[in-house]
C-alpha cells in the first residue's frame, strides 16, 4: 500500500491543511445553524467572548503543531509525545492501516483534534437556553461524524488496501450495494434475506383472536400446566413492530412471560397505510388498549387483568386507563411500564427534533390526514447514533463492498412503521412540546379530561441507565404522577438492550430501592445493585398479582374464535 508523503515539507503542508480543516468544520457548522430556520438554534446575542475564543483557537493551533511534531518524530524513530485517542467505543480508526502510514496516522488524529475543537467551540457560543445549547451540541456531532476521514474513499486507507487486494472487486461490490440501497430507499444494516417474521423470528405460538382497523390482538398458547386466573395484556410501541419482544426463543420477553404461567395477550399494531391516515390519538386509545382490555377480560372471564406497556405503548396504555377511570371503569389490577415517559420535561435528544415551528409545519401538512413516513422516523432514530447506525454501514457497505451480517435486532430496526399524521402531530404537541399529560385535568382524551394521579393500582416502573430515548431521570418522574404503590427499577444498558435482557444469559445488572421519596439521584445513591436480569425481579413482583392457579385454555372462545396463527398478518406488512 502506498505510504503517502514522508518528508518535512509534505508533513508541514498536511499540518496546515488539517488546521484549516478544523476552522472549516466550525464554519460549516455555523453555516448549518444559520440555514436551519430555527430561531432556537441560531446564535443569539450577546456575542461570543473574544478572550475565550482566542484562547481556544490558540490551544487548537498549539495542539495541531504538537501532533505534527509527534508524528514526524515517530517517523524518525522517536516515541510519540503527543497522541489523540478516540473516545471509548469509537472503533472507526482501530484498523492497523490507520497507523501504518504516517499520513493516515496524522490524518485521523488531526480529525479527532478538529472534532474536539468543534465541541469546545460550541460550549463557548452563547445560547438562548439549555435546549438550544443541546441542539447545537447535537448538530455539531452530526457535522463532525459526517466529516470523518473514514467516510471517504480518498482518505480511508482500509478502502485503498482492500481495493488493491481485490483488484477493484470491492469497489464494484460497494457500488452494487449502493445501487440496491438506493432502490430500497434506506441503508442495509443486516442481511434481510435470512429472516422471516413468523418463521425464525416472532415464533412464540398463539393465535389472533380479535382485530380491528388499527390492531390485531394475539393470545399466546400456554406453556405451563397451570396459569394464573388474571391474564397479562402487553401494549408495545407503535413506532416499531412488536417482535422486538419476541425475536428468538432464547431472548423472547413474550415467551418468558408465558413460561411464568401468564395467559398473555398482545396488541400488534397495524402498519398504517393511506386509508388509516385519518386516525388520531383517541382512535389509538379506543381501538388499542381499551378494545384489547375488553376482549381479554371477556375471553378469560375476569374483572381485571394485569397490563404492561413498553415505551410509547406505555404512554398509550396509561392514557387509556386514565380515560377508563373517568368512565368509572377499573379493568387493570397492576401496571408495568418499561422505559416509558409520562412526564416529558426532559426527552433527551429526541426532543431536539421537536419545536413549535416544526410541529406547526407538520400540523399544516399531515395534521388533518396523511402519514408520517416510516423512513422519516427511522432516519431520526438512526442519527441519534449516527456512527453506529449510519456511517458504519456507509463505510462497510459502500467503501469496502461488504455484505452486512445477519442480525435479528438490526432486521427489526430496519422494519419501521409509519404513523397517521393526526396521531403523530397530537402526540408531538401535547407530549413533547407542551408536556400536558402530567398535569391533572388539562388534557382531553376520548371526550374526557384525565388525571393520571387517580390510577391507584400497583405499578412496576423500569428505566434503563443509558437510555438515549427515554432518559431514566424522566422515567423516574412517573413516581410523582401515578397514585398507586410504585416499585422503581433501574436496568443497565440502553433502551432496547436494557429491556431485552434474558434471565438465562445472566448479563448486566439492575438497581432496586423500595423508597421512591427521594429525587432520582438520591434514589440511585441509596439503591442496591443486583447482578443479572430485571426479568426475574419483575416476575416475582407480578406473581402474587396473577390470581389463583387454574388449568390453561386454548386461545379464544366461542365469541372470539382464532382468526389466524400468531404473529398475524398485520406485523408482516412492511412500510413502503
Protein backbone atom coordinates (compact mmCIF):
# COMPACT_ATOMS: atom_id res chain seq x y z
CA UNK A 1 0.00 0.00 0.00
CA UNK A 2 1.23 3.49 -0.80
CA UNK A 3 2.73 5.16 2.26
CA UNK A 4 1.97 8.74 1.32
CA UNK A 5 4.29 11.76 1.85
CA UNK A 6 7.06 11.25 4.34
CA UNK A 7 9.22 14.35 4.26
CA UNK A 8 9.13 17.55 6.29
CA UNK A 9 7.68 19.71 3.54
CA UNK A 10 4.83 17.28 2.91
CA UNK A 11 4.05 17.00 6.59
CA UNK A 12 4.09 20.76 7.03
CA UNK A 13 1.64 21.08 4.17
CA UNK A 14 -0.58 18.43 5.71
CA UNK A 15 -0.49 20.09 9.11
CA UNK A 16 -1.52 23.41 7.62
CA UNK A 17 -4.36 21.75 5.72
CA UNK A 18 -5.76 19.98 8.75
CA UNK A 19 -5.53 23.03 10.98
CA UNK A 20 -7.55 24.80 8.32
CA UNK A 21 -9.92 21.81 8.20
CA UNK A 22 -10.77 22.38 11.84
CA UNK A 23 -11.60 26.00 11.11
CA UNK A 24 -13.65 24.96 8.07
CA UNK A 25 -15.55 22.37 10.10
CA UNK A 26 -16.59 25.04 12.56
CA UNK A 27 -17.60 27.40 9.75
CA UNK A 28 -19.73 24.69 8.14
CA UNK A 29 -21.37 24.09 11.48
CA UNK A 30 -22.11 27.81 11.87
CA UNK A 31 -23.48 27.95 8.33
CA UNK A 32 -25.66 24.93 9.04
CA UNK A 33 -27.09 26.56 12.13
CA UNK A 34 -27.97 29.62 10.08
CA UNK A 35 -29.79 27.52 7.49
CA UNK A 36 -31.96 25.58 9.94
CA UNK A 37 -34.57 28.35 10.10
CA UNK A 38 -34.96 27.53 13.78
CA UNK A 39 -34.56 30.55 15.99
CA UNK A 40 -33.62 28.37 18.95
CA UNK A 41 -30.64 27.01 17.02
CA UNK A 42 -29.35 30.36 15.77
CA UNK A 43 -26.57 32.14 17.57
CA UNK A 44 -28.13 34.82 19.76
CA UNK A 45 -26.59 37.89 21.28
CA UNK A 46 -24.57 38.58 23.31
CA UNK A 47 -21.65 37.78 21.06
CA UNK A 48 -19.03 35.17 21.77
CA UNK A 49 -16.49 36.09 24.46
CA UNK A 50 -13.47 37.14 22.34
CA UNK A 51 -10.94 36.19 25.03
CA UNK A 52 -12.40 32.69 25.37
CA UNK A 53 -12.43 32.28 21.60
CA UNK A 54 -8.84 33.47 21.24
CA UNK A 55 -7.67 31.10 23.97
CA UNK A 56 -9.47 28.19 22.37
CA UNK A 57 -8.02 28.93 18.93
CA UNK A 58 -4.50 29.22 20.38
CA UNK A 59 -4.91 25.91 22.18
CA UNK A 60 -6.13 24.27 18.97
CA UNK A 61 -3.17 25.55 16.93
CA UNK A 62 -0.69 24.51 19.62
CA UNK A 63 -2.18 21.01 19.77
CA UNK A 64 -2.10 20.63 15.99
CA UNK A 65 1.56 21.66 15.95
CA UNK A 66 2.35 19.22 18.78
CA UNK A 67 0.62 16.47 16.86
CA UNK A 68 2.55 17.24 13.69
CA UNK A 69 5.86 17.21 15.53
CA UNK A 70 4.96 14.00 17.33
CA UNK A 71 4.06 12.13 14.14
CA UNK A 72 7.18 13.46 12.42
CA UNK A 73 9.29 12.32 15.37
CA UNK A 74 7.66 8.89 15.29
CA UNK A 75 8.68 8.58 11.64
CA UNK A 76 12.24 9.24 12.71
CA UNK A 77 12.07 6.53 15.37
CA UNK A 78 11.19 8.68 18.36
CA UNK A 79 8.49 7.80 20.89
CA UNK A 80 5.36 9.93 20.29
CA UNK A 81 4.98 12.61 22.96
CA UNK A 82 1.50 13.71 21.89
CA UNK A 83 -1.38 11.43 20.91
CA UNK A 84 -5.08 11.95 20.27
CA UNK A 85 -7.14 8.89 21.18
CA UNK A 86 -10.72 8.20 20.08
CA UNK A 87 -13.44 8.20 22.71
CA UNK A 88 -14.22 4.83 24.35
CA UNK A 89 -16.22 2.62 22.00
CA UNK A 90 -15.17 4.50 18.84
CA UNK A 91 -13.64 1.86 16.56
CA UNK A 92 -13.53 3.87 13.32
CA UNK A 93 -9.72 4.05 13.43
CA UNK A 94 -8.95 0.74 15.12
CA UNK A 95 -7.60 -0.99 11.99
CA UNK A 96 -3.76 -1.06 11.77
CA UNK A 97 -3.86 0.72 8.38
CA UNK A 98 -4.56 4.00 10.19
CA UNK A 99 -1.18 3.81 11.94
CA UNK A 100 1.00 2.06 9.35
CA UNK A 101 1.23 5.13 7.16
CA UNK A 102 2.41 8.40 8.79
CA UNK A 103 0.00 10.44 6.71
CA UNK A 104 -3.05 8.40 7.78
CA UNK A 105 -1.77 8.30 11.34
CA UNK A 106 -1.66 12.07 11.27
CA UNK A 107 -4.93 12.36 9.33
CA UNK A 108 -7.14 10.52 11.81
CA UNK A 109 -5.58 12.18 14.86
CA UNK A 110 -5.94 15.62 13.27
CA UNK A 111 -9.60 14.85 12.62
CA UNK A 112 -10.09 13.90 16.27
CA UNK A 113 -8.47 17.18 17.30
CA UNK A 114 -10.78 19.07 14.94
CA UNK A 115 -13.74 17.29 16.48
CA UNK A 116 -12.62 18.26 19.98
CA UNK A 117 -12.20 21.84 18.82
CA UNK A 118 -15.72 21.87 17.39
CA UNK A 119 -17.21 20.55 20.63
CA UNK A 120 -15.29 23.08 22.71
CA UNK A 121 -16.35 25.87 20.35
CA UNK A 122 -20.00 25.00 20.91
CA UNK A 123 -19.53 25.43 24.65
CA UNK A 124 -18.09 28.92 24.10
CA UNK A 125 -21.00 30.04 21.90
CA UNK A 126 -23.89 31.51 23.94
CA UNK A 127 -27.37 30.02 23.58
CA UNK A 128 -30.85 31.22 24.49
CA UNK A 129 -31.49 28.27 26.82
CA UNK A 130 -30.28 24.76 27.63
CA UNK A 131 -32.38 23.15 24.90
CA UNK A 132 -30.81 25.45 22.32
CA UNK A 133 -27.37 24.51 23.64
CA UNK A 134 -28.22 20.80 23.44
CA UNK A 135 -29.41 21.29 19.86
CA UNK A 136 -26.12 22.94 18.99
CA UNK A 137 -24.20 20.05 20.56
CA UNK A 138 -26.25 17.57 18.56
CA UNK A 139 -25.73 19.40 15.27
CA UNK A 140 -22.02 19.74 15.96
CA UNK A 141 -21.79 16.00 16.50
CA UNK A 142 -23.62 15.34 13.23
CA UNK A 143 -21.22 17.60 11.30
CA UNK A 144 -18.17 16.02 12.95
CA UNK A 145 -19.39 12.46 12.38
CA UNK A 146 -20.19 13.14 8.73
CA UNK A 147 -16.72 14.61 8.05
CA UNK A 148 -14.74 11.68 9.46
CA UNK A 149 -11.95 10.60 7.06
CA UNK A 150 -13.19 7.02 7.40
CA UNK A 151 -16.32 8.00 5.43
CA UNK A 152 -14.48 8.92 2.21
CA UNK A 153 -12.63 6.75 -0.26
CA UNK A 154 -9.73 9.16 -0.74
CA UNK A 155 -8.96 9.38 2.97
CA UNK A 156 -9.67 5.82 4.12
CA UNK A 157 -6.60 3.54 3.97
CA UNK A 158 -8.76 0.46 4.57
CA UNK A 159 -10.65 1.21 1.35
CA UNK A 160 -7.40 1.62 -0.59
CA UNK A 161 -5.80 -1.54 0.77
CA UNK A 162 -8.88 -3.68 0.15
CA UNK A 163 -9.31 -2.32 -3.37
CA UNK A 164 -5.71 -3.25 -4.19
CA UNK A 165 -6.01 -6.70 -2.64
CA UNK A 166 -9.24 -7.50 -4.54
CA UNK A 167 -8.07 -5.83 -7.77
CA UNK A 168 -11.02 -3.44 -7.62
CA UNK A 169 -13.72 -6.03 -6.87
CA UNK A 170 -14.51 -4.39 -3.51
CA UNK A 171 -15.23 -1.13 -5.34
CA UNK A 172 -17.58 -2.91 -7.73
CA UNK A 173 -19.33 -4.65 -4.84
CA UNK A 174 -19.67 -1.36 -2.99
CA UNK A 175 -21.25 0.36 -5.98
CA UNK A 176 -23.70 -2.54 -6.37
CA UNK A 177 -24.58 -2.31 -2.67
CA UNK A 178 -25.17 1.40 -3.06
CA UNK A 179 -27.46 0.89 -6.05
CA UNK A 180 -29.50 -1.74 -4.19
CA UNK A 181 -29.88 0.53 -1.18
CA UNK A 182 -30.96 3.41 -3.39
CA UNK A 183 -33.69 1.16 -4.75
CA UNK A 184 -34.79 0.26 -1.20
CA UNK A 185 -34.55 3.86 -0.04
CA UNK A 186 -32.51 3.04 3.06
CA UNK A 187 -29.15 1.73 4.23
CA UNK A 188 -28.94 -2.03 4.69
CA UNK A 189 -27.88 -2.89 8.24
CA UNK A 190 -28.25 -6.66 8.06
CA UNK A 191 -28.75 -9.50 5.62
CA UNK A 192 -32.53 -9.26 5.43
CA UNK A 193 -32.85 -12.43 3.35
CA UNK A 194 -32.03 -14.55 6.41
CA UNK A 195 -35.10 -13.55 8.43
CA UNK A 196 -38.82 -14.02 8.02
CA UNK A 197 -41.38 -12.91 10.58
CA UNK A 198 -43.28 -15.92 11.87
CA UNK A 199 -40.66 -18.38 10.60
CA UNK A 200 -37.44 -17.70 12.51
CA UNK A 201 -38.39 -14.56 14.47
CA UNK A 202 -41.66 -13.84 16.30
CA UNK A 203 -42.31 -17.57 16.66
CA UNK A 204 -43.97 -17.85 20.07
CA UNK A 205 -47.10 -19.93 19.47
CA UNK A 206 -50.52 -18.34 19.70
CA UNK A 207 -53.43 -17.02 17.66
CA UNK A 208 -55.01 -13.73 16.63
CA UNK A 209 -58.33 -13.69 18.48
CA UNK A 210 -59.54 -10.20 17.55
CA UNK A 211 -58.76 -7.48 15.04
CA UNK A 212 -59.92 -4.03 14.01
CA UNK A 213 -58.67 -1.35 11.65
CA UNK A 214 -55.76 -0.48 13.91
CA UNK A 215 -54.55 -3.64 15.64
CA UNK A 216 -54.70 -7.39 16.00
CA UNK A 217 -54.93 -8.95 19.45
CA UNK A 218 -52.77 -12.05 19.88
CA UNK A 219 -53.39 -14.58 22.63
CA UNK A 220 -50.40 -16.83 23.21
CA UNK A 221 -50.70 -20.55 23.83
CA UNK A 222 -49.89 -21.72 27.37
CA UNK A 223 -46.53 -23.31 28.16
CA UNK A 224 -47.28 -24.38 31.74
CA UNK A 225 -49.67 -26.86 33.32
CA UNK A 226 -51.22 -24.11 35.45
CA UNK A 227 -51.79 -20.42 34.76
CA UNK A 228 -52.92 -17.50 36.87
CA UNK A 229 -56.58 -16.59 36.53
CA UNK A 230 -55.64 -12.97 35.82
CA UNK A 231 -54.13 -12.57 32.30
CA UNK A 232 -51.44 -10.14 31.19
CA UNK A 233 -52.07 -7.64 28.39
CA UNK A 234 -48.98 -6.26 26.62
CA UNK A 235 -49.07 -2.97 24.69
CA UNK A 236 -45.84 -2.48 22.70
CA UNK A 237 -44.81 0.77 20.98
CA UNK A 238 -46.50 1.66 17.70
CA UNK A 239 -43.29 3.24 16.34
CA UNK A 240 -41.81 -0.18 15.56
CA UNK A 241 -43.01 -3.77 15.29
CA UNK A 242 -43.81 -5.69 18.49
CA UNK A 243 -41.45 -8.55 17.78
CA UNK A 244 -38.53 -6.80 19.45
CA UNK A 245 -40.14 -8.56 22.43
CA UNK A 246 -40.17 -11.90 20.58
CA UNK A 247 -37.06 -12.14 18.42
CA UNK A 248 -35.73 -15.62 19.24
CA UNK A 249 -36.92 -18.18 21.81
CA UNK A 250 -33.83 -17.62 24.00
CA UNK A 251 -34.27 -13.83 24.20
CA UNK A 252 -38.05 -13.51 23.89
CA UNK A 253 -39.65 -11.47 26.66
CA UNK A 254 -43.07 -12.66 25.45
CA UNK A 255 -42.08 -16.29 25.75
CA UNK A 256 -40.66 -15.62 29.22
CA UNK A 257 -43.99 -14.10 30.28
CA UNK A 258 -45.84 -17.20 29.09
CA UNK A 259 -43.33 -19.51 30.77
CA UNK A 260 -44.05 -17.76 34.07
CA UNK A 261 -47.62 -19.05 33.98
CA UNK A 262 -49.30 -15.99 32.49
CA UNK A 263 -52.07 -16.01 29.89
CA UNK A 264 -50.55 -13.36 27.63
CA UNK A 265 -52.42 -11.10 25.22
CA UNK A 266 -50.52 -8.69 22.98
CA UNK A 267 -51.56 -5.74 20.83
CA UNK A 268 -50.00 -5.99 17.36
CA UNK A 269 -50.31 -2.52 15.84
CA UNK A 270 -51.05 -2.18 12.17
CA UNK A 271 -48.50 -0.51 9.89
CA UNK A 272 -50.88 2.23 8.69
CA UNK A 273 -51.46 2.96 5.02
CA UNK A 274 -53.11 5.98 3.43
CA UNK A 275 -56.58 4.70 4.34
CA UNK A 276 -55.58 4.84 8.03
CA UNK A 277 -54.04 8.29 7.66
CA UNK A 278 -57.01 9.99 9.35
CA UNK A 279 -56.58 8.20 12.69
CA UNK A 280 -55.70 10.21 15.77
CA UNK A 281 -54.67 9.69 19.39
CA UNK A 282 -58.21 8.91 20.55
CA UNK A 283 -58.51 6.20 17.89
CA UNK A 284 -55.35 4.56 19.20
CA UNK A 285 -56.73 4.55 22.75
CA UNK A 286 -60.20 3.26 21.86
CA UNK A 287 -59.14 0.70 19.24
CA UNK A 288 -55.92 -0.25 21.01
CA UNK A 289 -55.75 -0.82 24.79
CA UNK A 290 -59.42 -0.13 25.53
CA UNK A 291 -60.62 -2.68 22.94
CA UNK A 292 -57.90 -5.15 23.95
CA UNK A 293 -58.80 -4.92 27.64
CA UNK A 294 -62.45 -5.62 26.86
CA UNK A 295 -61.68 -8.67 24.73
CA UNK A 296 -59.07 -10.12 27.10
CA UNK A 297 -61.48 -9.84 30.04
CA UNK A 298 -64.32 -11.43 28.08
CA UNK A 299 -62.18 -14.34 26.92
CA UNK A 300 -60.77 -15.09 30.37
CA UNK A 301 -63.98 -14.13 32.23
CA UNK A 302 -62.27 -11.90 34.80
CA UNK A 303 -63.00 -8.38 36.03
CA UNK A 304 -59.38 -7.24 35.99
CA UNK A 305 -56.18 -8.04 34.09
CA UNK A 306 -52.55 -7.11 34.58
CA UNK A 307 -51.20 -4.74 31.95
CA UNK A 308 -47.74 -3.88 30.59
CA UNK A 309 -46.71 -1.06 28.27
CA UNK A 310 -43.35 -0.58 26.55
CA UNK A 311 -42.07 2.89 25.53
CA UNK A 312 -44.84 4.88 23.78
CA UNK A 313 -47.02 1.81 24.24
CA UNK A 314 -46.82 2.56 27.95
CA UNK A 315 -47.87 6.16 27.36
CA UNK A 316 -50.84 5.00 25.28
CA UNK A 317 -51.79 2.33 27.82
CA UNK A 318 -51.62 4.70 30.80
CA UNK A 319 -53.66 7.31 28.92
CA UNK A 320 -56.30 4.70 28.10
CA UNK A 321 -56.50 3.63 31.75
CA UNK A 322 -56.97 7.25 32.79
CA UNK A 323 -59.85 7.58 30.31
CA UNK A 324 -61.47 4.40 31.66
CA UNK A 325 -61.02 5.67 35.21
CA UNK A 326 -63.04 8.77 34.33
CA UNK A 327 -65.71 6.49 32.89
CA UNK A 328 -65.94 4.64 36.20
CA UNK A 329 -64.09 1.55 34.94
CA UNK A 330 -61.16 -0.09 36.70
CA UNK A 331 -60.10 -3.02 34.47
CA UNK A 332 -56.43 -3.31 35.50
CA UNK A 333 -55.11 -4.81 38.73
CA UNK A 334 -51.45 -3.90 38.15
CA UNK A 335 -49.50 -1.78 35.68
CA UNK A 336 -45.97 -2.35 34.37
CA UNK A 337 -44.26 0.41 32.39
CA UNK A 338 -40.98 -0.28 30.57
CA UNK A 339 -38.89 2.75 29.55
CA UNK A 340 -41.99 4.94 29.36
CA UNK A 341 -42.42 8.71 29.57
CA UNK A 342 -45.38 10.28 31.35
CA UNK A 343 -43.50 13.48 32.20
CA UNK A 344 -41.88 14.90 29.06
CA UNK A 345 -39.84 17.63 30.77
CA UNK A 346 -36.58 16.06 29.57
CA UNK A 347 -36.93 13.91 26.48
CA UNK A 348 -33.27 13.57 25.60
CA UNK A 349 -32.10 14.09 22.04
CA UNK A 350 -35.45 13.11 20.53
CA UNK A 351 -36.83 16.37 21.88
CA UNK A 352 -34.24 18.32 19.87
CA UNK A 353 -36.15 17.44 16.71
CA UNK A 354 -39.42 18.86 18.02
CA UNK A 355 -40.16 22.58 18.30
CA UNK A 356 -43.11 24.86 17.70
CA UNK A 357 -42.14 25.67 14.14
CA UNK A 358 -41.63 22.03 13.18
CA UNK A 359 -44.82 20.80 14.83
CA UNK A 360 -46.86 23.59 13.26
CA UNK A 361 -45.46 22.66 9.86
CA UNK A 362 -46.44 19.02 10.38
CA UNK A 363 -49.90 20.05 11.51
CA UNK A 364 -50.30 22.08 8.35
CA UNK A 365 -49.38 19.20 6.07
CA UNK A 366 -50.43 15.91 7.71
CA UNK A 367 -52.27 17.07 10.83
CA UNK A 368 -55.70 16.57 9.25
CA UNK A 369 -54.77 13.44 7.35
CA UNK A 370 -51.82 11.67 5.79
CA UNK A 371 -48.83 9.70 7.04
CA UNK A 372 -45.59 10.43 8.82
CA UNK A 373 -43.43 8.05 6.74
CA UNK A 374 -41.53 5.21 8.34
CA UNK A 375 -38.38 6.41 6.58
CA UNK A 376 -38.51 9.74 8.42
CA UNK A 377 -38.87 8.02 11.78
CA UNK A 378 -36.10 5.54 11.07
CA UNK A 379 -33.70 8.27 9.96
CA UNK A 380 -34.43 10.27 13.09
CA UNK A 381 -33.63 7.37 15.39
CA UNK A 382 -30.60 6.29 13.35
CA UNK A 383 -28.96 9.71 13.53
CA UNK A 384 -29.17 9.65 17.30
CA UNK A 385 -26.33 7.11 16.96
CA UNK A 386 -25.01 8.08 13.55
CA UNK A 387 -21.59 6.41 13.79
CA UNK A 388 -23.16 3.07 14.73
CA UNK A 389 -26.31 3.12 12.60
CA UNK A 390 -25.36 5.25 9.58
CA UNK A 391 -21.67 5.84 8.86
CA UNK A 392 -20.61 2.39 9.98
CA UNK A 393 -22.69 0.92 7.16
CA UNK A 394 -21.70 3.60 4.64
CA UNK A 395 -18.10 2.55 5.21
CA UNK A 396 -18.74 -1.20 5.28
CA UNK A 397 -21.36 -1.49 2.54
CA UNK A 398 -20.16 1.09 0.04
CA UNK A 399 -16.43 1.67 0.57
CA UNK A 400 -15.46 -1.89 1.47
CA UNK A 401 -18.19 -3.65 -0.53
CA UNK A 402 -19.09 -5.87 2.40
CA UNK A 403 -22.41 -7.65 2.83
CA UNK A 404 -23.96 -6.86 6.22
CA UNK A 405 -24.03 -9.75 8.66
CA UNK A 406 -27.30 -11.37 9.71
CA UNK A 407 -28.51 -9.84 12.99
CA UNK A 408 -32.11 -10.18 14.17
CA UNK A 409 -32.09 -6.94 16.18
CA UNK A 410 -30.97 -4.90 13.17
CA UNK A 411 -33.56 -6.63 10.98
CA UNK A 412 -36.20 -5.40 13.43
CA UNK A 413 -34.60 -1.96 13.48
CA UNK A 414 -34.99 -1.74 9.69
CA UNK A 415 -38.63 -2.87 9.80
CA UNK A 416 -40.03 0.55 10.64
CA UNK A 417 -43.64 1.68 10.74
CA UNK A 418 -45.39 4.82 9.56
CA UNK A 419 -47.74 6.85 11.76
CA UNK A 420 -51.05 8.53 10.92
CA UNK A 421 -50.45 12.27 10.67
CA UNK A 422 -53.16 13.35 13.16
CA UNK A 423 -51.83 10.88 15.75
CA UNK A 424 -48.20 11.96 15.27
CA UNK A 425 -49.00 15.69 15.42
CA UNK A 426 -51.19 15.36 18.52
CA UNK A 427 -48.54 13.27 20.24
CA UNK A 428 -45.69 15.67 19.44
CA UNK A 429 -47.61 18.76 20.52
CA UNK A 430 -49.28 17.50 23.67
CA UNK A 431 -46.45 15.34 24.94
CA UNK A 432 -43.07 16.52 23.67
CA UNK A 433 -43.85 20.17 23.07
CA UNK A 434 -46.34 21.13 25.81
CA UNK A 435 -45.96 18.25 28.31
CA UNK A 436 -49.68 18.23 29.09
CA UNK A 437 -50.15 14.62 30.21
CA UNK A 438 -48.62 15.11 33.65
CA UNK A 439 -51.00 17.99 34.54
CA UNK A 440 -54.22 16.74 36.19
CA UNK A 441 -57.33 17.67 34.24
CA UNK A 442 -55.52 19.54 31.47
CA UNK A 443 -55.56 17.04 28.64
CA UNK A 444 -58.75 15.87 26.99
CA UNK A 445 -58.87 12.39 25.52
CA UNK A 446 -61.83 10.43 24.19
CA UNK A 447 -64.21 13.16 25.35
CA UNK A 448 -62.96 13.44 28.95
CA UNK A 449 -60.27 15.20 30.97
CA UNK A 450 -57.76 12.82 32.51
CA UNK A 451 -55.80 12.71 35.75
CA UNK A 452 -53.06 10.07 35.97
CA UNK A 453 -52.95 10.57 39.72
CA UNK A 454 -56.24 8.70 40.01
CA UNK A 455 -54.60 5.50 38.80
CA UNK A 456 -54.04 3.76 42.12
CA UNK A 457 -53.07 0.20 41.12
CA UNK A 458 -49.60 -1.22 41.99
CA UNK A 459 -47.03 -0.11 39.41
CA UNK A 460 -43.69 -1.58 38.31
CA UNK A 461 -41.55 1.06 36.59
CA UNK A 462 -38.43 0.04 34.67
CA UNK A 463 -35.98 2.57 33.28
CA UNK A 464 -32.55 1.90 31.80
CA UNK A 465 -29.47 3.82 32.78
CA UNK A 466 -28.04 4.56 29.31
CA UNK A 467 -31.37 5.15 27.55
CA UNK A 468 -30.98 7.93 24.96
CA UNK A 469 -34.70 7.87 24.03
CA UNK A 470 -36.31 7.80 27.49
CA UNK A 471 -33.80 9.30 29.95
CA UNK A 472 -34.09 7.42 33.22
CA UNK A 473 -34.41 10.59 35.29
CA UNK A 474 -37.52 11.44 33.25
CA UNK A 475 -38.95 7.94 33.63
CA UNK A 476 -38.42 8.25 37.39
CA UNK A 477 -40.75 11.29 37.40
CA UNK A 478 -43.66 8.88 36.92
CA UNK A 479 -43.28 8.10 40.62
CA UNK A 480 -44.59 11.64 41.23
CA UNK A 481 -47.53 11.31 38.85
CA UNK A 482 -49.19 7.92 39.39
CA UNK A 483 -51.26 7.31 42.51
CA UNK A 484 -50.51 3.68 43.34
CA UNK A 485 -47.68 1.96 45.18
CA UNK A 486 -44.66 2.04 42.90
CA UNK A 487 -41.63 -0.20 42.54
CA UNK A 488 -38.97 1.59 40.50
CA UNK A 489 -36.16 -0.49 38.99
CA UNK A 490 -33.21 0.81 37.01
CA UNK A 491 -31.66 -1.55 34.49
CA UNK A 492 -28.21 -1.38 32.97
CA UNK A 493 -27.59 -0.55 29.29
CA UNK A 494 -29.92 1.26 26.89
CA UNK A 495 -33.46 1.50 25.56
CA UNK A 496 -33.51 -1.93 23.88
CA UNK A 497 -30.63 -3.93 25.34
CA UNK A 498 -31.62 -2.93 28.85
CA UNK A 499 -35.15 -4.25 28.36
CA UNK A 500 -34.40 -7.34 26.26
CA UNK A 501 -32.05 -8.90 28.80
CA UNK A 502 -32.89 -12.61 29.24
CA UNK A 503 -32.56 -14.25 32.64
CA UNK A 504 -30.88 -17.27 31.03
CA UNK A 505 -27.89 -15.21 29.91
CA UNK A 506 -27.37 -13.65 33.37
CA UNK A 507 -25.90 -10.48 31.88
CA UNK A 508 -25.75 -6.90 33.13
CA UNK A 509 -27.39 -5.80 36.36
CA UNK A 510 -30.17 -3.67 37.79
CA UNK A 511 -30.69 -1.40 40.78
CA UNK A 512 -33.52 -1.57 43.32
CA UNK A 513 -34.63 0.74 46.11
CA UNK A 514 -38.09 0.46 47.68
CA UNK A 515 -38.09 4.12 48.75
CA UNK A 516 -39.07 6.47 45.90
CA UNK A 517 -39.47 9.59 48.05
CA UNK A 518 -36.04 10.96 47.13
CA UNK A 519 -35.18 12.56 43.80
CA UNK A 520 -33.66 10.40 41.06
CA UNK A 521 -30.04 10.80 42.10
CA UNK A 522 -30.94 10.33 45.76
CA UNK A 523 -32.79 7.15 44.85
CA UNK A 524 -29.78 5.81 42.95
CA UNK A 525 -27.34 6.71 45.72
CA UNK A 526 -29.28 4.50 48.14
CA UNK A 527 -30.11 1.75 45.61
CA UNK A 528 -28.67 -1.77 45.73
CA UNK A 529 -27.12 -3.22 42.59
CA UNK A 530 -28.33 -6.71 41.70
CA UNK A 531 -26.47 -8.88 39.19
CA UNK A 532 -28.37 -10.36 36.26
CA UNK A 533 -31.66 -9.52 34.57
CA UNK A 534 -34.54 -7.48 35.93
CA UNK A 535 -36.90 -10.07 34.38
CA UNK A 536 -36.68 -12.29 37.47
CA UNK A 537 -37.41 -9.37 39.79
CA UNK A 538 -40.46 -8.38 37.73
CA UNK A 539 -41.75 -11.97 37.58
CA UNK A 540 -41.53 -12.20 41.35
CA UNK A 541 -43.40 -8.89 41.71
CA UNK A 542 -46.16 -9.95 39.30
CA UNK A 543 -46.72 -13.48 40.65
CA UNK A 544 -48.91 -12.52 43.67
CA UNK A 545 -50.99 -10.28 41.40
CA UNK A 546 -51.79 -13.04 38.89
CA UNK A 547 -54.61 -14.67 40.84
CA UNK A 548 -55.25 -18.28 41.72
CA UNK A 549 -53.86 -21.08 39.59
CA UNK A 550 -56.06 -22.98 37.15
CA UNK A 551 -55.72 -25.20 34.11
CA UNK A 552 -54.86 -23.26 30.93
CA UNK A 553 -57.22 -22.87 27.99
CA UNK A 554 -56.65 -22.61 24.27
CA UNK A 555 -56.64 -19.12 22.72
CA UNK A 556 -60.03 -17.56 22.06
CA UNK A 557 -63.53 -18.71 22.92
CA UNK A 558 -66.90 -19.17 21.24
CA UNK A 559 -67.29 -15.42 20.67
CA UNK A 560 -63.67 -14.67 19.78
CA UNK A 561 -62.58 -17.54 17.58
CA UNK A 562 -58.96 -17.68 16.38
CA UNK A 563 -58.58 -15.76 13.13
CA UNK A 564 -55.07 -16.85 12.17
CA UNK A 565 -51.90 -18.12 13.85
CA UNK A 566 -49.55 -15.71 15.63
CA UNK A 567 -47.84 -13.44 14.79
CA UNK A 568 -50.68 -12.49 12.42
CA UNK A 569 -50.60 -10.63 9.14
CA UNK A 570 -50.51 -7.04 10.47
CA UNK A 571 -46.94 -7.36 11.74
CA UNK A 572 -45.80 -8.73 8.37
CA UNK A 573 -46.89 -5.63 6.46
CA UNK A 574 -43.83 -3.52 5.66
CA UNK A 575 -43.84 0.22 5.13
CA UNK A 576 -43.41 1.23 1.52
